[in-house]
Amino acid sequence: MDDARCREFFSLPTQPYHRRYEALRAVFSEGRSQKEVAEQFGFEHSTMRQLVYEFREHGCHSGDASPFFAN
């Protein structure tokens, strides 16, 4: 069975919150560089840096990441 479209769902998400989630997951869980992740998910490098900063300050350290991934 060809799962290419299923892999694309995670590697190239189209919904904004899903895209943000996958990008942050790639940085924090996979240890990938912010620059590489920004390129993959279509963010400017400065935007990716800002997302990482905000998630560190207001998401994972506060214990409430929901504002980052809710509609």
C-alpha atoms as a PDB file:
ATOM      1  CA  MET A   1       0.000   0.000   0.000  1.00  0.00           C
ATOM      2  CA  ASP A   2       1.298   3.443  -0.921  1.00  0.00           C
ATOM      3  CA  ASP A   3       1.203   5.727   2.119  1.00  0.00           C
ATOM      4  CA  ALA A   4       2.712   8.768   0.402  1.00  0.00           C
ATOM      5  CA  ARG A   5      -0.414  10.888   0.954  1.00  0.00           C
ATOM      6  CA  CYS A   6      -0.517   9.857   4.611  1.00  0.00           C
ATOM      7  CA  ARG A   7       3.131  10.908   5.060  1.00  0.00           C
ATOM      8  CA  GLU A   8       2.342  14.219   3.349  1.00  0.00           C
ATOM      9  CA  PHE A   9      -0.394  14.880   5.910  1.00  0.00           C
ATOM     10  CA  PHE A  10       2.313  15.135   8.587  1.00  0.00           C
ATOM     11  CA  SER A  11       5.246  16.490   6.597  1.00  0.00           C
ATOM     12  CA  LEU A  12       3.279  19.101   4.605  1.00  0.00           C
ATOM     13  CA  PRO A  13       0.211  20.073   6.650  1.00  0.00           C
ATOM     14  CA  THR A  14      -2.158  22.584   5.099  1.00  0.00           C
ATOM     15  CA  GLN A  15      -4.108  23.796   8.142  1.00  0.00           C
ATOM     16  CA  PRO A  16      -2.384  26.659  10.035  1.00  0.00           C
ATOM     17  CA  TYR A  17      -2.543  25.152  13.540  1.00  0.00           C
ATOM     18  CA  HIS A  18      -1.503  21.721  12.306  1.00  0.00           C
ATOM     19  CA  ARG A  19       1.406  23.287  10.424  1.00  0.00           C
ATOM     20  CA  ARG A  20       2.488  25.193  13.552  1.00  0.00           C
ATOM     21  CA  TYR A  21       2.222  22.029  15.664  1.00  0.00           C
ATOM     22  CA  GLU A  22       4.281  19.927  13.264  1.00  0.00           C
ATOM     23  CA  ALA A  23       6.926  22.659  12.929  1.00  0.00           C
ATOM     24  CA  LEU A  24       7.317  23.054  16.696  1.00  0.00           C
ATOM     25  CA  ARG A  25       7.308  19.277  17.147  1.00  0.00           C
ATOM     26  CA  ALA A  26      10.119  18.977  14.594  1.00  0.00           C
ATOM     27  CA  VAL A  27      12.213  21.539  16.483  1.00  0.00           C
ATOM     28  CA  PHE A  28      11.616  20.214  19.998  1.00  0.00           C
ATOM     29  CA  SER A  29      11.066  16.475  19.514  1.00  0.00           C
ATOM     30  CA  GLU A  30      13.327  15.809  16.555  1.00  0.00           C
ATOM     31  CA  GLY A  31      15.966  18.408  17.418  1.00  0.00           C
ATOM     32  CA  ARG A  32      15.958  19.833  13.899  1.00  0.00           C
ATOM     33  CA  SER A  33      17.237  23.339  13.211  1.00  0.00           C
ATOM     34  CA  GLN A  34      14.754  26.180  13.138  1.00  0.00           C
ATOM     35  CA  LYS A  35      16.025  27.211   9.715  1.00  0.00           C
ATOM     36  CA  GLU A  36      15.479  23.745   8.211  1.00  0.00           C
ATOM     37  CA  VAL A  37      12.024  23.455   9.745  1.00  0.00           C
ATOM     38  CA  ALA A  38      11.036  26.935   8.578  1.00  0.00           C
ATOM     39  CA  GLU A  39      11.966  26.014   5.023  1.00  0.00           C
ATOM     40  CA  GLN A  40      10.015  22.748   5.140  1.00  0.00           C
ATOM     41  CA  PHE A  41       6.838  24.286   6.524  1.00  0.00           C
ATOM     42  CA  GLY A  42       6.937  27.546   4.578  1.00  0.00           C
ATOM     43  CA  PHE A  43       7.739  29.923   7.427  1.00  0.00           C
ATOM     44  CA  GLU A  44      10.228  32.769   7.326  1.00  0.00           C
ATOM     45  CA  HIS A  45      13.192  31.926   9.563  1.00  0.00           C
ATOM     46  CA  SER A  46      12.374  34.939  11.764  1.00  0.00           C
ATOM     47  CA  THR A  47       8.780  33.697  12.141  1.00  0.00           C
ATOM     48  CA  MET A  48       9.993  30.250  13.191  1.00  0.00           C
ATOM     49  CA  ARG A  49      12.325  31.809  15.768  1.00  0.00           C
ATOM     50  CA  GLN A  50       9.398  33.831  17.134  1.00  0.00           C
ATOM     51  CA  LEU A  51       7.153  30.734  17.316  1.00  0.00           C
ATOM     52  CA  VAL A  52       9.837  28.833  19.227  1.00  0.00           C
ATOM     53  CA  TYR A  53      10.405  31.747  21.588  1.00  0.00           C
ATOM     54  CA  GLU A  54       6.686  32.198  22.285  1.00  0.00           C
ATOM     55  CA  PHE A  55       6.137  28.487  22.781  1.00  0.00           C
ATOM     56  CA  ARG A  56       9.005  28.315  25.266  1.00  0.00           C
ATOM     57  CA  GLU A  57       7.822  31.363  27.176  1.00  0.00           C
ATOM     58  CA  HIS A  58       4.062  30.919  27.088  1.00  0.00           C
ATOM     59  CA  GLY A  59       3.419  27.303  26.122  1.00  0.00           C
ATOM     60  CA  CYS A  60       5.559  24.566  27.552  1.00  0.00           C
ATOM     61  CA  HIS A  61       6.895  26.531  30.529  1.00  0.00           C
ATOM     62  CA  SER A  62       3.466  27.752  31.565  1.00  0.00           C
ATOM     63  CA  GLY A  63       2.001  24.275  31.244  1.00  0.00           C
ATOM     64  CA  ASP A  64      -0.719  25.395  28.849  1.00  0.00           C
ATOM     65  CA  ALA A  65       0.107  24.942  25.164  1.00  0.00           C
ATOM     66  CA  SER A  66      -3.531  25.092  24.046  1.00  0.00           C
ATOM     67  CA  PRO A  67      -3.424  28.683  22.725  1.00  0.00           C
ATOM     68  CA  PHE A  68      -0.806  27.586  20.205  1.00  0.00           C
ATOM     69  CA  PHE A  69      -2.878  24.807  18.678  1.00  0.00           C
ATOM     70  CA  ALA A  70      -6.545  25.760  19.127  1.00  0.00           C
ATOM     71  CA  ASN A  71      -8.755  27.372  16.513  1.00  0.00           C
END
